[in-house]
Amino acid sequence: MRLSIIIPVCNVEQYIGPCLESIYRQGLSDKDFEVIVVNDGSTDNSMKVVEEIQERHKNISQINPVQTTIDEAVQTTQEEAVQTTPTPPNLGGETEHVGPSVCRNEGMDKAKGEYVLFVDSDDLLMDNGLTILLKKALDTSADMLVADFMRLKDEEINSVYDAQLSDTHVVDKTGLDYYVEDYDPGVGSFIWRILYKRTFLNDNHIRLEPGVYYEDIPFLQECYLKAKRVIGIHLLYYIYRIRQRSCTYTFAMKNALDYNTAIANSWRLTEMDNLPERVVTQQKKNIYLFFNYAVDCIIGVFRDPSERKKIVDDLIKKVPDLRFTGGVGPKVVSALFRAMPYTYIRWRLFNTKVRNWIRARLG
């Protein structure tokens, strides 16, 4: 088995069909890969759509997160969350919603392929891209193979797309070098644009934290920091579907607290043994970017000062030693946030309002 494709599915009956069909337009034989669909508590007809496609392709399997994994997810969520965090949903049944991190972990445990690919159930693969990507992975035996993607809104997706090799130049580096020189968290820490060698993930015990959104941020960084060889190829092969109702485009209290967890777990990675100073410096620069995004969400989404305080308190609790380096600006922000966190948030809010007022005046 050369490739395992893992897809968490939760109430996407409109999208899972096109997603799966795009996987079968990759020029690969069904015997060379498997598709693992993890039912994340779907209550619509998503799994019926999967079953219909399964009648034509016997390399699709359906699984439900097992009870022990679900119990661990609940325990982790309860331990990490602030006491006032909304109570997690009842996860007692096999088909209850547990979140993509649990589903992906379960898929990794069941996978048999030499390489693993994560696909979101509302996204698409461009035609024949995996043939190119998988061949490169098998030829190089790289731990990670990174390719390109494009964002499209729902209404913009109206045809089948061919994968495009936009540049023949191939990046071939250690994971540490790729992390410092090529990884751009501003573009997005998306785990689905990468092929991972399964033994690399298993040997390094790399998994997503159960029950937490945005856990792909520290997951991806840990992969780069531990990978011996990373290949970057300019192959446009993945379509990231932008849906306003997807969890990526909503930011409730759980999202904010989970994003704090992602920052905290990213910070813990700076404490890995034998990391060169240049890598740690880059890690802190990236965490500074994540921190600023979190603050923007705090002041842009949450109007109630008590909600803002709750999120700030949670971040301080999870990362009490948070410090930024890399210039005067990050150092000043670090000092202000550590000494006067609530005053700093109010200042950022005031500064944002002033900038928006100026923009409105200038047209």
Protein backbone atom coordinates (compact mmCIF):
# COMPACT_ATOMS: atom_id res chain seq x y z
CA MET A 1 0.00 0.00 0.00
CA ARG A 2 1.63 3.23 -1.13
CA LEU A 3 -0.75 5.86 0.20
CA SER A 4 -3.40 6.29 2.90
CA ILE A 5 -5.82 9.21 2.50
CA ILE A 6 -7.56 10.18 5.75
CA ILE A 7 -10.80 12.19 5.65
CA PRO A 8 -12.81 13.24 8.74
CA VAL A 9 -16.47 13.61 7.77
CA CYS A 10 -19.09 15.58 9.68
CA ASN A 11 -22.31 16.79 8.01
CA VAL A 12 -20.90 17.57 4.57
CA GLU A 13 -23.33 15.70 2.33
CA GLN A 14 -23.09 18.48 -0.25
CA TYR A 15 -19.30 18.25 -0.48
CA ILE A 16 -18.08 14.74 0.37
CA GLY A 17 -19.15 13.31 -2.99
CA PRO A 18 -17.12 15.76 -5.11
CA CYS A 19 -14.23 15.39 -2.67
CA LEU A 20 -14.08 11.61 -3.03
CA GLU A 21 -14.65 11.71 -6.78
CA SER A 22 -11.66 14.05 -7.15
CA ILE A 23 -9.49 11.49 -5.34
CA TYR A 24 -10.36 8.92 -8.00
CA ARG A 25 -9.21 11.25 -10.78
CA GLN A 26 -5.57 11.09 -9.74
CA GLY A 27 -4.37 8.46 -12.18
CA LEU A 28 -3.69 5.98 -9.37
CA SER A 29 -4.80 2.37 -9.26
CA ASP A 30 -7.22 1.54 -6.45
CA LYS A 31 -4.81 -1.14 -5.22
CA ASP A 32 -2.09 1.47 -4.64
CA PHE A 33 -3.98 3.54 -2.07
CA GLU A 34 -6.69 3.42 0.55
CA VAL A 35 -9.24 6.02 1.62
CA ILE A 36 -10.07 6.06 5.35
CA VAL A 37 -13.28 7.96 6.04
CA VAL A 38 -13.70 8.74 9.74
CA ASN A 39 -17.30 9.45 10.69
CA ASP A 40 -17.21 12.42 13.04
CA GLY A 41 -20.80 12.13 14.22
CA SER A 42 -22.54 12.96 10.93
CA THR A 43 -26.30 13.35 11.29
CA ASP A 44 -27.07 14.13 7.64
CA ASN A 45 -26.63 11.92 4.56
CA SER A 46 -22.84 12.25 4.39
CA MET A 47 -22.16 8.59 5.15
CA LYS A 48 -24.83 7.44 2.68
CA VAL A 49 -22.95 9.34 -0.02
CA VAL A 50 -19.76 7.61 1.08
CA GLU A 51 -21.48 4.21 0.93
CA GLU A 52 -22.68 4.86 -2.61
CA ILE A 53 -19.13 5.60 -3.76
CA GLN A 54 -17.88 2.66 -1.72
CA GLU A 55 -19.94 0.33 -3.92
CA ARG A 56 -17.73 1.33 -6.85
CA HIS A 57 -14.41 1.54 -5.01
CA LYS A 58 -13.51 -1.19 -2.56
CA ASN A 59 -10.48 0.64 -1.19
CA ILE A 60 -12.69 2.96 0.91
CA SER A 61 -13.19 2.04 4.55
CA GLN A 62 -15.40 3.71 7.15
CA ILE A 63 -14.44 3.88 10.79
CA ASN A 64 -15.81 5.52 13.93
CA PRO A 65 -13.53 6.91 16.65
CA VAL A 66 -13.19 4.22 19.33
CA GLN A 67 -14.43 4.78 22.86
CA THR A 68 -10.97 4.92 24.47
CA THR A 69 -9.86 7.63 22.07
CA ILE A 70 -13.01 9.64 22.74
CA ASP A 71 -12.56 9.36 26.50
CA GLU A 72 -8.99 10.61 26.18
CA ALA A 73 -10.25 13.56 24.10
CA VAL A 74 -12.76 14.53 26.78
CA GLN A 75 -10.15 14.25 29.54
CA THR A 76 -7.62 16.35 27.61
CA THR A 77 -10.22 18.99 26.80
CA GLN A 78 -11.33 19.21 30.41
CA GLU A 79 -7.78 19.43 31.74
CA GLU A 80 -6.72 22.14 29.28
CA ALA A 81 -9.82 24.30 29.41
CA VAL A 82 -10.55 27.08 31.86
CA GLN A 83 -13.21 26.14 34.41
CA THR A 84 -15.79 28.38 32.73
CA THR A 85 -15.30 26.81 29.33
CA PRO A 86 -18.58 25.44 27.94
CA THR A 87 -19.08 21.77 28.83
CA PRO A 88 -17.83 19.44 26.08
CA PRO A 89 -20.55 17.58 24.18
CA ASN A 90 -21.59 14.09 25.24
CA LEU A 91 -19.07 11.82 23.55
CA GLY A 92 -20.47 8.55 24.77
CA GLY A 93 -21.61 7.08 21.45
CA GLU A 94 -19.37 5.82 18.68
CA THR A 95 -20.72 8.33 16.17
CA GLU A 96 -20.72 11.44 18.35
CA HIS A 97 -18.80 14.50 17.19
CA VAL A 98 -15.22 14.47 18.50
CA GLY A 99 -13.48 16.87 16.13
CA PRO A 100 -10.97 16.48 13.30
CA SER A 101 -7.91 15.96 15.51
CA VAL A 102 -9.34 12.77 17.05
CA CYS A 103 -10.47 11.56 13.62
CA ARG A 104 -7.09 12.17 12.04
CA ASN A 105 -5.30 10.40 14.88
CA GLU A 106 -7.64 7.43 14.51
CA GLY A 107 -6.99 7.40 10.78
CA MET A 108 -3.23 7.44 11.33
CA ASP A 109 -3.52 4.48 13.69
CA LYS A 110 -5.43 2.50 11.05
CA ALA A 111 -3.37 3.57 8.02
CA LYS A 112 -1.29 1.05 6.08
CA GLY A 113 0.20 3.22 3.35
CA GLU A 114 3.84 4.16 3.04
CA TYR A 115 2.68 7.79 2.93
CA VAL A 116 -0.25 9.57 4.55
CA LEU A 117 -2.33 12.43 3.15
CA PHE A 118 -4.99 14.35 5.06
CA VAL A 119 -7.88 15.74 3.01
CA ASP A 120 -10.68 17.92 4.37
CA SER A 121 -14.08 16.61 3.38
CA ASP A 122 -15.22 19.85 1.72
CA ASP A 123 -12.04 20.33 -0.33
CA LEU A 124 -10.97 18.96 -3.72
CA LEU A 125 -7.87 17.55 -5.37
CA MET A 126 -6.94 18.71 -8.85
CA ASP A 127 -6.78 15.95 -11.43
CA ASN A 128 -3.64 13.76 -11.57
CA GLY A 129 -1.72 15.73 -8.97
CA LEU A 130 -1.20 12.82 -6.59
CA THR A 131 0.49 10.78 -9.31
CA ILE A 132 3.26 13.39 -9.50
CA LEU A 133 3.40 13.98 -5.76
CA LEU A 134 3.48 10.32 -4.73
CA LYS A 135 6.12 9.41 -7.33
CA LYS A 136 8.38 12.16 -5.99
CA ALA A 137 7.83 10.96 -2.44
CA LEU A 138 8.63 7.34 -3.28
CA ASP A 139 11.69 8.33 -5.32
CA THR A 140 13.17 10.48 -2.55
CA SER A 141 11.83 8.66 0.54
CA ALA A 142 11.42 12.11 2.12
CA ASP A 143 9.72 12.45 5.49
CA MET A 144 7.55 15.27 4.15
CA LEU A 145 6.65 16.43 0.68
CA VAL A 146 5.12 19.92 0.52
CA ALA A 147 3.03 21.08 -2.46
CA ASP A 148 0.91 24.12 -3.38
CA PHE A 149 -2.79 24.91 -3.06
CA MET A 150 -5.27 27.61 -3.95
CA ARG A 151 -8.24 29.06 -2.11
CA LEU A 152 -11.60 29.19 -3.88
CA LYS A 153 -14.98 30.29 -2.63
CA ASP A 154 -17.93 27.96 -2.97
CA GLU A 155 -19.38 29.88 -5.89
CA GLU A 156 -16.01 29.96 -7.69
CA ILE A 157 -15.74 26.17 -7.95
CA ASN A 158 -17.57 25.25 -11.12
CA SER A 159 -15.38 22.82 -13.05
CA VAL A 160 -12.72 20.13 -12.85
CA TYR A 161 -9.15 21.41 -12.53
CA ASP A 162 -5.89 19.86 -13.73
CA ALA A 163 -2.93 19.87 -11.37
CA GLN A 164 -0.23 22.28 -12.52
CA LEU A 165 3.53 22.10 -12.07
CA SER A 166 4.28 25.82 -12.08
CA ASP A 167 8.04 25.56 -11.55
CA THR A 168 10.42 22.65 -12.02
CA HIS A 169 12.65 23.83 -9.17
CA VAL A 170 12.55 21.41 -6.23
CA VAL A 171 13.49 22.34 -2.67
CA ASP A 172 15.39 19.57 -0.88
CA LYS A 173 16.38 20.39 2.71
CA THR A 174 16.50 19.15 6.25
CA GLY A 175 13.37 19.82 8.26
CA LEU A 176 15.14 22.45 10.36
CA ASP A 177 16.39 24.32 7.30
CA TYR A 178 12.98 24.16 5.66
CA TYR A 179 11.36 25.46 8.84
CA VAL A 180 13.67 28.47 9.02
CA GLU A 181 13.88 29.28 5.31
CA ASP A 182 10.64 28.14 3.69
CA TYR A 183 7.85 27.58 6.22
CA ASP A 184 5.53 30.61 6.17
CA PRO A 185 2.83 30.50 8.88
CA GLY A 186 1.30 33.62 7.36
CA VAL A 187 0.23 31.51 4.38
CA GLY A 188 -1.40 29.03 6.76
CA SER A 189 -0.36 26.00 8.79
CA PHE A 190 -2.33 23.53 6.73
CA ILE A 191 -1.48 19.87 7.22
CA TRP A 192 -3.40 18.78 4.11
CA ARG A 193 -0.92 20.22 1.61
CA ILE A 194 1.74 17.70 2.65
CA LEU A 195 2.48 14.01 2.14
CA TYR A 196 3.92 12.47 5.32
CA LYS A 197 5.89 9.27 5.56
CA ARG A 198 3.89 7.10 7.92
CA THR A 199 6.91 5.60 9.68
CA PHE A 200 8.22 9.13 10.30
CA LEU A 201 5.01 10.08 12.11
CA ASN A 202 4.89 6.83 14.07
CA ASP A 203 8.57 6.63 15.00
CA ASN A 204 8.47 10.19 16.34
CA HIS A 205 5.10 9.68 18.06
CA ILE A 206 3.65 12.72 16.28
CA ARG A 207 -0.07 13.07 16.73
CA LEU A 208 -2.65 15.85 17.04
CA GLU A 209 -3.92 16.83 20.47
CA PRO A 210 -7.44 15.37 20.78
CA GLY A 211 -10.46 17.63 20.93
CA VAL A 212 -8.64 20.87 20.09
CA TYR A 213 -9.05 23.14 17.07
CA TYR A 214 -5.94 24.66 15.41
CA GLU A 215 -3.83 21.75 16.66
CA ASP A 216 -2.45 21.47 13.12
CA ILE A 217 -0.30 24.54 13.96
CA PRO A 218 2.00 22.80 16.49
CA PHE A 219 1.60 19.46 14.66
CA LEU A 220 3.05 20.88 11.48
CA GLN A 221 5.88 22.65 13.29
CA GLU A 222 6.81 19.49 15.18
CA CYS A 223 6.97 17.62 11.89
CA TYR A 224 9.39 20.17 10.39
CA LEU A 225 11.54 20.20 13.53
CA LYS A 226 11.91 16.41 13.51
CA ALA A 227 12.05 15.68 9.77
CA LYS A 228 15.38 14.61 8.32
CA ARG A 229 14.38 15.41 4.74
CA VAL A 230 11.68 17.72 3.36
CA ILE A 231 10.93 18.13 -0.33
CA GLY A 232 9.13 21.22 -1.61
CA ILE A 233 7.56 20.96 -5.06
CA HIS A 234 5.70 23.72 -6.92
CA LEU A 235 2.74 21.52 -7.78
CA LEU A 236 -0.65 23.20 -7.54
CA TYR A 237 -2.86 20.23 -6.70
CA TYR A 238 -5.19 21.07 -3.78
CA ILE A 239 -8.29 23.28 -3.71
CA TYR A 240 -9.11 24.74 -0.31
CA ARG A 241 -12.83 25.49 -0.32
CA ILE A 242 -13.75 28.64 1.61
CA ARG A 243 -17.06 28.21 3.38
CA GLN A 244 -18.34 30.90 5.69
CA ARG A 245 -19.99 28.36 7.96
CA SER A 246 -16.90 26.17 8.38
CA CYS A 247 -15.17 26.25 11.77
CA THR A 248 -12.20 28.04 10.21
CA TYR A 249 -14.39 31.08 9.60
CA THR A 250 -16.14 31.21 12.95
CA PHE A 251 -14.43 32.20 16.16
CA ALA A 252 -16.39 31.37 19.30
CA MET A 253 -15.02 31.10 22.84
CA LYS A 254 -13.85 27.50 22.35
CA ASN A 255 -11.96 28.56 19.24
CA ALA A 256 -10.18 31.31 21.16
CA LEU A 257 -9.21 29.00 24.03
CA ASP A 258 -8.09 26.30 21.62
CA TYR A 259 -5.99 28.81 19.71
CA ASN A 260 -4.31 29.62 23.03
CA THR A 261 -3.55 25.90 23.37
CA ALA A 262 -2.01 25.90 19.90
CA ILE A 263 0.22 28.83 20.93
CA ALA A 264 1.14 27.05 24.16
CA ASN A 265 2.02 23.80 22.38
CA SER A 266 4.04 25.74 19.81
CA TRP A 267 5.91 27.42 22.67
CA ARG A 268 6.72 24.05 24.24
CA LEU A 269 8.41 23.03 21.00
CA THR A 270 11.04 25.72 21.62
CA GLU A 271 12.20 23.56 24.52
CA MET A 272 13.09 20.57 22.34
CA ASP A 273 16.61 19.27 22.89
CA ASN A 274 19.50 20.36 20.68
CA LEU A 275 17.66 22.96 18.61
CA PRO A 276 20.02 25.47 16.97
CA GLU A 277 19.60 29.06 18.13
CA ARG A 278 18.49 30.18 14.66
CA VAL A 279 15.63 27.69 14.80
CA VAL A 280 14.48 28.82 18.25
CA THR A 281 14.64 32.43 17.08
CA GLN A 282 12.44 31.57 14.09
CA GLN A 283 10.04 29.65 16.33
CA LYS A 284 9.53 32.71 18.52
CA LYS A 285 9.03 34.92 15.45
CA ASN A 286 6.30 32.54 14.28
CA ILE A 287 4.68 32.43 17.71
CA TYR A 288 4.67 36.23 17.71
CA LEU A 289 2.66 36.08 14.49
CA PHE A 290 0.22 33.59 16.07
CA PHE A 291 -0.04 35.82 19.15
CA ASN A 292 -0.92 38.88 17.09
CA TYR A 293 -3.60 36.95 15.24
CA ALA A 294 -5.05 35.85 18.59
CA VAL A 295 -5.13 39.45 19.84
CA ASP A 296 -6.79 40.62 16.61
CA CYS A 297 -9.50 38.00 17.15
CA ILE A 298 -9.92 38.95 20.82
CA ILE A 299 -10.53 42.61 20.00
CA GLY A 300 -12.36 42.01 16.72
CA VAL A 301 -14.78 39.27 17.78
CA PHE A 302 -15.38 39.59 21.52
CA ARG A 303 -17.14 42.78 22.59
CA ASP A 304 -17.63 41.87 26.25
CA PRO A 305 -14.56 42.87 28.35
CA SER A 306 -15.17 39.87 30.64
CA GLU A 307 -14.84 37.53 27.63
CA ARG A 308 -11.61 39.20 26.59
CA LYS A 309 -10.28 38.87 30.12
CA LYS A 310 -11.17 35.19 30.16
CA ILE A 311 -9.21 34.55 26.98
CA VAL A 312 -6.21 36.59 28.13
CA ASP A 313 -6.17 34.84 31.52
CA ASP A 314 -6.29 31.49 29.74
CA LEU A 315 -3.31 32.38 27.54
CA ILE A 316 -1.28 33.59 30.54
CA LYS A 317 -2.11 30.39 32.40
CA LYS A 318 -1.08 28.18 29.48
CA VAL A 319 2.07 30.15 28.55
CA PRO A 320 3.24 32.02 31.67
CA ASP A 321 6.76 32.50 30.27
CA LEU A 322 5.73 33.90 26.88
CA ARG A 323 8.47 36.20 25.57
CA PHE A 324 9.21 37.52 22.09
CA THR A 325 12.52 38.38 20.49
CA GLY A 326 13.67 39.52 17.08
CA GLY A 327 13.51 43.30 17.30
CA VAL A 328 12.35 46.24 19.36
CA GLY A 329 8.67 45.83 18.48
CA PRO A 330 8.26 42.21 19.66
CA LYS A 331 10.30 42.91 22.79
CA VAL A 332 8.13 45.91 23.69
CA VAL A 333 4.94 43.93 23.06
CA SER A 334 6.30 41.11 25.20
CA ALA A 335 7.10 43.45 28.09
CA LEU A 336 3.73 45.24 27.90
CA PHE A 337 1.71 42.04 27.71
CA ARG A 338 3.57 40.45 30.62
CA ALA A 339 3.32 43.55 32.85
CA MET A 340 -0.11 44.93 31.87
CA PRO A 341 -1.96 42.36 29.74
CA TYR A 342 -5.43 43.95 29.99
CA THR A 343 -4.08 47.46 29.40
CA TYR A 344 -2.24 46.15 26.36
CA ILE A 345 -5.45 44.64 24.95
CA ARG A 346 -7.33 47.91 25.54
CA TRP A 347 -4.52 49.83 23.80
CA ARG A 348 -4.66 47.48 20.80
CA LEU A 349 -8.42 47.96 20.65
CA PHE A 350 -8.08 51.75 20.77
CA ASN A 351 -5.33 51.68 18.15
CA THR A 352 -7.46 49.53 15.85
CA LYS A 353 -10.43 51.88 16.17
CA VAL A 354 -8.23 54.89 15.34
CA ARG A 355 -6.79 53.16 12.25
CA ASN A 356 -10.25 52.16 11.06
CA TRP A 357 -11.52 55.74 11.57
CA ILE A 358 -8.61 57.11 9.54
CA ARG A 359 -9.21 54.63 6.75
CA ALA A 360 -12.88 55.55 6.65
CA ARG A 361 -12.04 59.24 6.46
CA LEU A 362 -9.53 58.73 3.69
CA GLY A 363 -11.98 56.63 1.74
